[in-house]
Amino acid sequence: MGHRLAVFGSWREFTRECCEGMCFLITGALKSQVDRVWDAFWSGGISNPFSVVEQITYLLFARRLDELHTAKEA
């Protein structure tokens, strides 16, 4: 059975469509940070929300790996 990924035009569209009925809300500074990251990926040509999450996960992994390496050198 095929799997279809929808492409959304904004983070708000993604959360409205995929997270409808879920009881969580991000506001304030965190929401602004998420919007800036989303805009950066969108401007770079990555418009699929699942690809954005995948890329963010990889970047967080790389950052943590660098932090551990730096701490080990000290």
N, C-alpha and C. Protein backbone atom coordinates (compact mmCIF):
# COMPACT_ATOMS: atom_id res chain seq x y z
N MET A 1 0.84 -1.18 0.00
CA MET A 1 0.00 0.00 0.00
C MET A 1 0.88 1.24 0.00
N GLY A 2 0.58 2.19 -0.84
CA GLY A 2 1.41 3.38 -0.98
C GLY A 2 1.30 4.32 0.20
N HIS A 3 2.33 5.09 0.38
CA HIS A 3 2.39 6.08 1.45
C HIS A 3 2.56 7.45 0.81
N ARG A 4 1.67 8.34 1.08
CA ARG A 4 1.73 9.67 0.46
C ARG A 4 2.07 10.71 1.51
N LEU A 5 3.10 11.51 1.24
CA LEU A 5 3.48 12.61 2.12
C LEU A 5 2.94 13.90 1.54
N ALA A 6 2.25 14.64 2.35
CA ALA A 6 1.72 15.93 1.90
C ALA A 6 2.79 17.00 2.06
N VAL A 7 2.77 17.97 1.20
CA VAL A 7 3.68 19.11 1.28
C VAL A 7 2.85 20.32 1.71
N PHE A 8 3.32 20.96 2.75
CA PHE A 8 2.59 22.09 3.31
C PHE A 8 3.38 23.37 3.08
N GLY A 9 2.68 24.49 3.05
CA GLY A 9 3.31 25.77 2.79
C GLY A 9 3.87 26.47 4.01
N SER A 10 3.50 25.98 5.18
CA SER A 10 4.01 26.63 6.39
C SER A 10 3.92 25.67 7.56
N TRP A 11 4.62 26.01 8.60
CA TRP A 11 4.57 25.22 9.81
C TRP A 11 3.16 25.18 10.36
N ARG A 12 2.45 26.31 10.27
CA ARG A 12 1.08 26.37 10.78
C ARG A 12 0.17 25.40 10.03
N GLU A 13 0.31 25.32 8.71
CA GLU A 13 -0.49 24.38 7.93
C GLU A 13 -0.19 22.95 8.35
N PHE A 14 1.09 22.65 8.55
CA PHE A 14 1.48 21.30 8.96
C PHE A 14 0.85 20.94 10.30
N THR A 15 1.01 21.82 11.29
CA THR A 15 0.48 21.51 12.62
C THR A 15 -1.04 21.44 12.61
N ARG A 16 -1.66 22.31 11.84
CA ARG A 16 -3.13 22.30 11.77
C ARG A 16 -3.62 20.98 11.16
N GLU A 17 -2.96 20.52 10.09
CA GLU A 17 -3.39 19.32 9.38
C GLU A 17 -2.99 18.03 10.11
N CYS A 18 -1.76 17.96 10.59
CA CYS A 18 -1.24 16.71 11.16
C CYS A 18 -1.48 16.56 12.66
N CYS A 19 -1.70 17.65 13.34
CA CYS A 19 -1.78 17.58 14.79
C CYS A 19 -3.15 17.96 15.32
N GLU A 20 -4.13 17.96 14.45
CA GLU A 20 -5.48 18.33 14.84
C GLU A 20 -5.98 17.42 15.96
N GLY A 21 -6.50 18.02 17.01
CA GLY A 21 -7.03 17.26 18.12
C GLY A 21 -6.02 16.93 19.20
N MET A 22 -4.74 17.17 18.94
CA MET A 22 -3.74 16.92 19.97
C MET A 22 -3.73 18.08 20.96
N CYS A 23 -3.45 17.76 22.18
CA CYS A 23 -3.52 18.77 23.24
C CYS A 23 -2.12 19.29 23.59
N PHE A 24 -1.54 20.06 22.71
CA PHE A 24 -0.29 20.73 23.04
C PHE A 24 -0.25 22.04 22.28
N LEU A 25 0.51 22.96 22.81
CA LEU A 25 0.58 24.28 22.21
C LEU A 25 1.95 24.86 22.49
N ILE A 26 2.59 25.39 21.45
CA ILE A 26 3.85 26.09 21.68
C ILE A 26 3.60 27.56 21.44
N THR A 27 4.14 28.37 22.30
CA THR A 27 3.92 29.81 22.20
C THR A 27 5.23 30.54 22.52
N GLY A 28 5.18 31.83 22.35
CA GLY A 28 6.28 32.68 22.75
C GLY A 28 7.58 32.43 22.02
N ALA A 29 8.66 32.41 22.79
CA ALA A 29 10.01 32.31 22.23
C ALA A 29 10.21 31.00 21.47
N LEU A 30 9.71 29.89 22.01
CA LEU A 30 9.87 28.61 21.33
C LEU A 30 9.18 28.62 19.97
N LYS A 31 7.99 29.17 19.90
CA LYS A 31 7.27 29.24 18.63
C LYS A 31 8.03 30.10 17.63
N SER A 32 8.58 31.19 18.09
CA SER A 32 9.37 32.06 17.20
C SER A 32 10.60 31.33 16.67
N GLN A 33 11.26 30.56 17.53
CA GLN A 33 12.43 29.79 17.09
C GLN A 33 12.04 28.73 16.07
N VAL A 34 10.95 28.04 16.32
CA VAL A 34 10.48 27.02 15.38
C VAL A 34 10.13 27.66 14.04
N ASP A 35 9.45 28.80 14.07
CA ASP A 35 9.09 29.49 12.83
C ASP A 35 10.34 29.92 12.05
N ARG A 36 11.37 30.41 12.75
CA ARG A 36 12.60 30.82 12.06
C ARG A 36 13.31 29.63 11.42
N VAL A 37 13.36 28.51 12.15
CA VAL A 37 13.98 27.31 11.60
C VAL A 37 13.19 26.82 10.39
N TRP A 38 11.87 26.79 10.51
CA TRP A 38 11.02 26.36 9.39
C TRP A 38 11.28 27.25 8.17
N ASP A 39 11.30 28.56 8.37
CA ASP A 39 11.54 29.50 7.27
C ASP A 39 12.90 29.27 6.61
N ALA A 40 13.92 28.96 7.42
CA ALA A 40 15.25 28.70 6.87
C ALA A 40 15.24 27.46 5.99
N PHE A 41 14.60 26.39 6.43
CA PHE A 41 14.51 25.18 5.61
C PHE A 41 13.68 25.44 4.36
N TRP A 42 12.57 26.14 4.52
CA TRP A 42 11.69 26.45 3.38
C TRP A 42 12.45 27.25 2.33
N SER A 43 13.20 28.25 2.76
CA SER A 43 13.98 29.08 1.85
C SER A 43 15.06 28.26 1.15
N GLY A 44 15.57 27.24 1.84
CA GLY A 44 16.59 26.37 1.27
C GLY A 44 16.04 25.28 0.37
N GLY A 45 14.72 25.24 0.20
CA GLY A 45 14.11 24.29 -0.72
C GLY A 45 13.57 23.03 -0.07
N ILE A 46 13.60 22.94 1.25
CA ILE A 46 13.04 21.76 1.92
C ILE A 46 11.65 22.17 2.44
N SER A 47 10.61 21.68 1.78
CA SER A 47 9.27 22.10 2.14
C SER A 47 8.44 20.98 2.77
N ASN A 48 8.95 19.77 2.77
CA ASN A 48 8.22 18.67 3.38
C ASN A 48 8.50 18.65 4.89
N PRO A 49 7.47 18.76 5.73
CA PRO A 49 7.68 18.82 7.18
C PRO A 49 8.44 17.62 7.74
N PHE A 50 8.23 16.46 7.17
CA PHE A 50 8.92 15.28 7.65
C PHE A 50 10.42 15.35 7.34
N SER A 51 10.76 15.93 6.20
CA SER A 51 12.17 16.14 5.86
C SER A 51 12.80 17.16 6.80
N VAL A 52 12.04 18.19 7.16
CA VAL A 52 12.54 19.20 8.09
C VAL A 52 12.84 18.55 9.44
N VAL A 53 11.92 17.74 9.94
CA VAL A 53 12.14 17.06 11.22
C VAL A 53 13.36 16.14 11.13
N GLU A 54 13.50 15.43 10.02
CA GLU A 54 14.65 14.56 9.82
C GLU A 54 15.95 15.36 9.86
N GLN A 55 15.98 16.49 9.18
CA GLN A 55 17.18 17.32 9.15
C GLN A 55 17.50 17.91 10.51
N ILE A 56 16.48 18.36 11.22
CA ILE A 56 16.69 18.92 12.57
C ILE A 56 17.24 17.84 13.49
N THR A 57 16.70 16.63 13.40
CA THR A 57 17.18 15.52 14.22
C THR A 57 18.65 15.25 13.95
N TYR A 58 19.04 15.25 12.68
CA TYR A 58 20.44 15.03 12.33
C TYR A 58 21.32 16.15 12.88
N LEU A 59 20.88 17.39 12.75
CA LEU A 59 21.66 18.52 13.25
C LEU A 59 21.83 18.46 14.77
N LEU A 60 20.77 18.08 15.48
CA LEU A 60 20.87 17.94 16.94
C LEU A 60 21.85 16.82 17.31
N PHE A 61 21.81 15.72 16.57
CA PHE A 61 22.73 14.62 16.81
C PHE A 61 24.17 15.08 16.59
N ALA A 62 24.42 15.78 15.50
CA ALA A 62 25.77 16.26 15.19
C ALA A 62 26.26 17.25 16.25
N ARG A 63 25.36 18.11 16.70
CA ARG A 63 25.73 19.08 17.73
C ARG A 63 26.11 18.36 19.02
N ARG A 64 25.31 17.39 19.42
CA ARG A 64 25.60 16.65 20.66
C ARG A 64 26.91 15.87 20.55
N LEU A 65 27.14 15.29 19.39
CA LEU A 65 28.39 14.57 19.16
C LEU A 65 29.58 15.51 19.30
N ASP A 66 29.46 16.72 18.75
CA ASP A 66 30.53 17.71 18.85
C ASP A 66 30.74 18.13 20.30
N GLU A 67 29.64 18.33 21.05
CA GLU A 67 29.75 18.70 22.46
C GLU A 67 30.48 17.62 23.26
N LEU A 68 30.15 16.35 23.01
CA LEU A 68 30.80 15.25 23.72
C LEU A 68 32.29 15.17 23.35
N HIS A 69 32.60 15.39 22.10
CA HIS A 69 33.98 15.35 21.65
C HIS A 69 34.79 16.48 22.28
N THR A 70 34.21 17.68 22.33
CA THR A 70 34.87 18.83 22.93
C THR A 70 35.10 18.60 24.42
N ALA A 71 34.11 18.05 25.11
CA ALA A 71 34.25 17.80 26.54
C ALA A 71 35.33 16.74 26.81
N LYS A 72 35.44 15.77 25.92
CA LYS A 72 36.42 14.71 26.09
C LYS A 72 37.85 15.25 25.90
N GLU A 73 38.01 16.25 25.01
CA GLU A 73 39.32 16.84 24.77
C GLU A 73 39.78 17.70 25.94
N ALA A 74 38.84 18.28 26.66
CA ALA A 74 39.18 19.20 27.76
C ALA A 74 39.73 18.51 28.98
